[in-house]
Amino acid sequence: MGELIIKSNLSQDWISFALISNIVFIYLLINLNPVRTSRLLNFLKIDFYLSKYNSERETQYLNLYNIIGTLFIINTACLSLIFFSEKIIFKKTYFFEFCFLILLIVIFLITRYFITSLIKRKSKILKKIKPLLFKNFTINLQFSCACFVLIFTGFYSEILPFLLYSVVVIISILYFFSQFRIFYSLFRFHPKEVIYFILYLCTFKLIPWYCFYLYVLEPRF
């Protein structure tokens, strides 16, 4: 009977491994550029961070710092889904489901990268809105850090449901407000580029994620 309990606990150790992976990613970011990482984690000075690092070199898709940051975002997104499943709707999840989610997201992002690169060669549209894409990436990375703290705390301690839901709602509101600021800045300073940004947003952002939800997540939950 004791052996069954031990095996059951070991079967859930993959969550700890996934959480530790994020800690490793943060460690790598700090070692790569400690000053940039400390500024990234300063939510109150996001505008200063963007003005400092929104350069051609830093916004390269295959920049090592950005690659590790992307892996951190992907892992946190999948952990958020697992956290939602286990702590909010009380549905057990398994390691293969976590790996499946990561694999799908990685395949989607790689495919989007090559398509975006192809379009970039044929058009100047993406070059014009590239600074805004970097802003979006930065916001995703910042809020992934906030979500990771919540997830880590939620898995290893008891959080009152009301407090948990309140924090989730606050983080969601702040996230969508930050996204709205990006769109508003585009409309304010580059009104002619708004239509291109909307097309990019719908084609490469919203529609793929909606399909991901429709065919992968909705049947799951």
Foldseek 3Di string as FASTA:
>chain_A
DVVVVVVVVVQPCVLVVLLVLLVVLLVVLCVVPVVLSVQLLPPVPLVVSLVVQLDPVNLDCPDVNLVSLVVLLLSLVLLVLQCCQCPPVNHHDGPVLSVVSSVVVVVLVVVLVVVVVVVVVVDCLCVVCSSLVVLLSSLSSNLSVVSSVLSVCVVPHPDDPVVNVVVVVVSVVVSVVSVVVSLVVCCVPPVVSNVVVVVCCVPSNDPVVVVCCVPPVVVVD
